[in-house]
N, C-alpha and C. Protein backbone atom coordinates (compact mmCIF):
# COMPACT_ATOMS: atom_id res chain seq x y z
N GLU A 1 230.11 -56.52 82.26
CA GLU A 1 229.08 -56.74 83.36
C GLU A 1 229.79 -56.33 84.57
N VAL A 2 229.39 -55.59 85.42
CA VAL A 2 230.04 -55.17 86.85
C VAL A 2 229.05 -55.70 87.69
N TYR A 3 227.90 -55.95 87.54
CA TYR A 3 227.07 -56.43 88.52
C TYR A 3 226.36 -57.96 87.72
N ASN A 4 226.51 -59.04 88.69
CA ASN A 4 225.93 -60.20 88.32
C ASN A 4 224.94 -60.47 89.58
N GLY A 5 223.59 -60.60 89.34
CA GLY A 5 222.69 -60.82 90.43
C GLY A 5 222.62 -62.15 91.16
N ASN A 6 223.23 -63.18 90.70
CA ASN A 6 223.15 -64.50 90.98
C ASN A 6 223.51 -64.39 92.33
N PRO A 7 222.47 -65.00 93.28
CA PRO A 7 222.81 -64.85 94.63
C PRO A 7 223.65 -66.10 95.13
N ARG A 8 223.88 -67.43 94.25
CA ARG A 8 224.16 -68.59 94.52
C ARG A 8 225.64 -68.84 94.31
N HIS A 9 226.47 -67.63 93.85
CA HIS A 9 227.84 -67.67 93.66
C HIS A 9 228.45 -66.46 93.82
N ASP A 10 229.73 -66.43 94.05
CA ASP A 10 230.48 -65.36 94.34
C ASP A 10 230.76 -64.61 92.71
N SER A 11 230.30 -63.43 92.47
CA SER A 11 230.22 -62.88 91.01
C SER A 11 231.59 -61.97 91.03
N HIS A 12 232.29 -61.55 92.09
CA HIS A 12 233.22 -60.60 92.11
C HIS A 12 232.67 -59.54 91.57
N ASN A 13 231.68 -58.87 91.94
CA ASN A 13 230.98 -57.69 91.34
C ASN A 13 231.98 -56.45 91.69
N LYS A 14 232.49 -56.38 92.92
CA LYS A 14 233.26 -55.13 93.30
C LYS A 14 234.55 -54.91 92.56
N ILE A 15 235.21 -56.37 92.24
CA ILE A 15 236.31 -56.36 91.42
C ILE A 15 236.18 -56.02 89.78
N ALA A 16 234.83 -56.56 89.42
CA ALA A 16 234.68 -56.06 88.00
C ALA A 16 234.39 -54.74 87.94
N ARG A 17 233.51 -54.16 88.87
CA ARG A 17 233.19 -52.58 88.78
C ARG A 17 234.39 -51.83 88.76
N ARG A 18 235.63 -52.09 89.84
CA ARG A 18 236.64 -51.50 89.81
C ARG A 18 237.47 -51.32 88.61
N PHE A 19 237.51 -52.51 87.97
CA PHE A 19 238.33 -52.87 86.66
C PHE A 19 237.66 -51.89 85.49
N ALA A 20 236.26 -51.82 85.56
CA ALA A 20 235.66 -51.16 84.38
C ALA A 20 235.79 -49.80 84.62
N GLU A 21 235.69 -49.38 85.93
CA GLU A 21 236.00 -47.85 86.25
C GLU A 21 237.58 -47.44 85.92
N GLN A 22 238.46 -48.19 86.18
CA GLN A 22 239.88 -47.94 85.96
C GLN A 22 240.12 -47.88 84.38
N HIS A 23 239.40 -48.49 83.63
CA HIS A 23 239.77 -48.81 82.11
C HIS A 23 238.59 -48.03 81.41
N ARG A 24 237.71 -47.39 82.01
CA ARG A 24 236.64 -46.51 81.43
C ARG A 24 235.80 -47.47 80.52
N LEU A 25 235.27 -48.39 80.94
CA LEU A 25 234.55 -49.35 80.09
C LEU A 25 233.24 -49.19 80.38
N LYS A 26 232.03 -49.45 79.60
CA LYS A 26 230.81 -49.55 79.83
C LYS A 26 230.41 -50.50 81.05
N MET A 27 229.49 -50.02 81.80
CA MET A 27 229.28 -50.78 83.05
C MET A 27 227.66 -51.39 82.57
N LEU A 28 227.43 -52.69 82.79
CA LEU A 28 226.13 -53.18 82.79
C LEU A 28 226.02 -54.18 83.76
N SER A 29 224.86 -54.66 84.08
CA SER A 29 224.13 -55.30 85.23
C SER A 29 223.12 -56.44 84.87
N GLY A 30 223.47 -57.69 85.25
CA GLY A 30 222.57 -58.74 84.70
C GLY A 30 222.02 -59.54 85.77
N SER A 31 220.86 -59.93 85.53
CA SER A 31 220.32 -60.67 86.68
C SER A 31 220.69 -62.13 86.96
N ASP A 32 221.26 -62.73 85.87
CA ASP A 32 221.61 -64.32 85.87
C ASP A 32 220.62 -65.00 86.29
N PHE A 33 219.57 -64.87 85.47
CA PHE A 33 218.13 -65.51 85.72
C PHE A 33 218.13 -66.71 85.39
N HIS A 34 217.97 -67.59 86.58
CA HIS A 34 218.04 -69.04 86.27
C HIS A 34 216.37 -69.51 87.05
N ILE A 35 216.21 -69.06 88.06
CA ILE A 35 214.97 -69.25 88.91
C ILE A 35 214.32 -68.17 89.31
N GLU A 36 212.91 -68.26 89.48
CA GLU A 36 211.98 -67.24 89.76
C GLU A 36 212.47 -66.28 90.56
N VAL A 37 213.15 -66.54 91.86
CA VAL A 37 213.50 -65.64 93.00
C VAL A 37 214.74 -64.86 92.15
N ASP A 38 215.48 -65.09 91.22
CA ASP A 38 216.34 -64.27 90.76
C ASP A 38 215.65 -62.99 89.71
N THR A 39 214.51 -63.02 89.26
CA THR A 39 214.10 -61.93 88.68
C THR A 39 214.18 -60.49 89.11
N ALA A 40 214.66 -59.84 88.26
CA ALA A 40 215.07 -58.43 88.58
C ALA A 40 216.21 -58.27 89.82
N ARG A 41 217.27 -59.04 89.84
CA ARG A 41 218.03 -58.87 90.82
C ARG A 41 219.23 -58.09 89.94
N GLY A 42 219.17 -57.91 88.72
CA GLY A 42 219.96 -56.89 88.18
C GLY A 42 219.50 -56.56 86.52
N GLY A 43 220.14 -55.69 86.00
CA GLY A 43 219.63 -55.04 84.66
C GLY A 43 220.08 -53.76 84.54
N ILE A 44 219.47 -53.17 83.68
CA ILE A 44 219.38 -51.65 83.57
C ILE A 44 218.12 -51.09 83.43
N ALA A 45 217.77 -49.73 83.83
CA ALA A 45 216.63 -48.90 83.90
C ALA A 45 216.92 -47.62 83.09
N THR A 46 216.09 -47.47 82.15
CA THR A 46 216.05 -46.41 81.46
C THR A 46 214.78 -45.66 81.05
N SER A 47 214.83 -44.67 80.66
CA SER A 47 213.40 -43.74 80.83
C SER A 47 212.96 -43.91 79.35
N ARG A 48 213.83 -44.37 78.39
CA ARG A 48 213.59 -44.61 76.86
C ARG A 48 212.70 -45.99 76.83
N ARG A 49 211.84 -45.89 75.69
CA ARG A 49 210.95 -46.93 75.19
C ARG A 49 212.01 -47.65 74.31
N LEU A 50 212.29 -48.92 74.58
CA LEU A 50 212.97 -49.68 73.73
C LEU A 50 212.36 -50.77 72.97
N ASN A 51 212.33 -50.61 71.49
CA ASN A 51 211.71 -51.65 70.83
C ASN A 51 212.68 -52.32 69.63
N THR A 52 213.86 -51.97 69.75
CA THR A 52 214.95 -52.71 68.61
C THR A 52 216.18 -52.55 69.36
N ALA A 53 216.95 -53.49 68.79
CA ALA A 53 218.44 -53.60 69.29
C ALA A 53 219.02 -52.38 68.98
N GLU A 54 218.94 -51.41 67.98
CA GLU A 54 219.45 -50.36 67.74
C GLU A 54 219.20 -49.28 68.85
N GLU A 55 217.80 -49.28 69.11
CA GLU A 55 217.53 -48.46 70.33
C GLU A 55 218.29 -48.84 71.66
N LEU A 56 218.52 -49.94 71.77
CA LEU A 56 219.30 -50.31 73.15
C LEU A 56 220.66 -49.87 72.76
N LEU A 57 221.19 -50.17 71.66
CA LEU A 57 222.69 -49.70 71.60
C LEU A 57 222.70 -48.17 71.74
N ARG A 58 221.76 -47.41 71.35
CA ARG A 58 221.88 -45.76 71.61
C ARG A 58 221.89 -45.52 72.99
N VAL A 59 220.94 -46.21 73.76
CA VAL A 59 220.97 -46.08 74.92
C VAL A 59 222.35 -46.26 75.69
N LEU A 60 222.90 -47.51 75.38
CA LEU A 60 223.96 -47.84 75.95
C LEU A 60 225.22 -46.87 75.50
N LYS A 61 225.35 -46.48 74.33
CA LYS A 61 226.26 -45.30 73.79
C LYS A 61 226.03 -44.20 74.56
N ASP A 62 224.78 -43.78 74.71
CA ASP A 62 224.66 -42.50 75.34
C ASP A 62 224.65 -42.49 76.91
N VAL A 63 224.86 -43.89 77.46
CA VAL A 63 224.98 -43.96 78.92
C VAL A 63 223.93 -43.47 79.64
N ASP A 64 222.68 -43.69 79.03
CA ASP A 64 221.33 -43.28 79.46
C ASP A 64 220.65 -44.12 80.19
N TYR A 65 221.21 -44.78 81.30
CA TYR A 65 220.56 -45.77 81.96
C TYR A 65 221.28 -45.83 83.39
N ASP A 66 220.58 -46.46 84.21
CA ASP A 66 220.87 -46.79 85.52
C ASP A 66 221.33 -48.26 85.71
N LEU A 67 222.17 -48.58 86.59
CA LEU A 67 222.19 -50.16 86.88
C LEU A 67 221.35 -50.58 87.89
N ILE A 68 220.63 -51.59 87.73
CA ILE A 68 220.04 -52.17 88.82
C ILE A 68 220.63 -53.14 89.64
N THR A 69 220.80 -53.46 90.92
CA THR A 69 221.66 -54.09 91.69
C THR A 69 221.09 -54.42 92.96
N THR A 70 220.11 -55.49 93.03
CA THR A 70 219.36 -55.74 94.04
C THR A 70 219.75 -56.83 94.73
N SER A 71 220.81 -57.26 95.03
CA SER A 71 221.32 -58.44 95.47
C SER A 71 220.67 -58.90 96.82
N GLY A 72 220.61 -60.08 97.15
CA GLY A 72 220.19 -60.18 98.41
C GLY A 72 218.83 -59.98 98.91
N ARG A 73 217.88 -59.25 98.14
CA ARG A 73 216.72 -59.00 98.34
C ARG A 73 215.50 -59.89 97.56
N PRO A 74 214.70 -60.31 98.39
CA PRO A 74 213.78 -61.43 97.65
C PRO A 74 212.82 -60.77 96.71
N PHE A 75 212.65 -61.54 95.67
CA PHE A 75 211.57 -60.83 94.83
C PHE A 75 210.30 -60.77 95.09
N SER A 76 209.72 -59.50 94.82
CA SER A 76 208.19 -59.26 95.13
C SER A 76 207.98 -58.14 94.19
N PRO A 77 206.63 -58.11 93.76
CA PRO A 77 206.17 -56.91 92.88
C PRO A 77 206.40 -55.53 93.41
N ALA A 78 205.88 -55.79 94.73
CA ALA A 78 206.02 -54.21 95.77
C ALA A 78 207.50 -53.77 95.69
N ARG A 79 208.27 -54.66 95.63
CA ARG A 79 209.82 -54.21 95.98
C ARG A 79 210.18 -53.60 94.49
N ILE A 80 209.85 -54.39 93.47
CA ILE A 80 210.21 -53.84 92.02
C ILE A 80 209.59 -52.52 91.78
N LEU A 81 208.31 -52.31 92.11
CA LEU A 81 207.52 -51.18 92.08
C LEU A 81 208.22 -49.88 92.86
N THR A 82 208.50 -50.24 94.18
CA THR A 82 209.02 -49.32 95.11
C THR A 82 210.63 -48.89 94.56
N ASP A 83 211.33 -49.80 94.00
CA ASP A 83 212.97 -49.40 93.62
C ASP A 83 212.75 -48.71 92.16
N PHE A 84 211.80 -49.20 91.46
CA PHE A 84 211.53 -48.33 90.17
C PHE A 84 211.28 -46.86 90.64
N CYS A 85 209.99 -46.71 91.49
CA CYS A 85 209.77 -45.15 91.75
C CYS A 85 210.95 -44.53 92.50
N ASP A 86 211.87 -45.18 93.41
CA ASP A 86 213.00 -44.42 93.75
C ASP A 86 214.01 -44.05 92.69
N LEU A 87 214.03 -45.04 91.68
CA LEU A 87 214.87 -44.78 90.67
C LEU A 87 214.69 -43.47 90.05
N LEU A 88 213.41 -43.43 89.63
CA LEU A 88 212.72 -42.22 88.94
C LEU A 88 213.11 -40.96 89.69
N ARG A 89 212.89 -40.99 90.95
CA ARG A 89 212.98 -39.86 91.67
C ARG A 89 214.56 -39.31 91.80
N SER A 90 215.20 -40.43 91.80
CA SER A 90 216.84 -40.13 91.92
C SER A 90 217.25 -39.31 90.66
N ARG A 91 216.49 -39.51 89.63
CA ARG A 91 217.06 -38.93 88.11
C ARG A 91 216.59 -37.57 87.91
N LYS A 92 215.77 -37.17 88.82
CA LYS A 92 215.22 -35.66 88.70
C LYS A 92 216.41 -34.80 88.99
């Protein structure tokens, strides 16, 4: 995990990302969801529909995903939709 979205502690995200890049490790992002405002502060986005753990593993192995890293931004459905649309546009 190179990004931990919990805004209430220092997750050392930059250090984790640098380490993963230096050692060619898979990079993942997590929201560290504990309360409602933590929703969607981290995770992965993929264009594939996932129904099983095996499908998730295939996406991870293929690196067919983008990291969601939305630290410091309050939760809102409009923001989530806007960020998702921006992500889709950037993948073209």
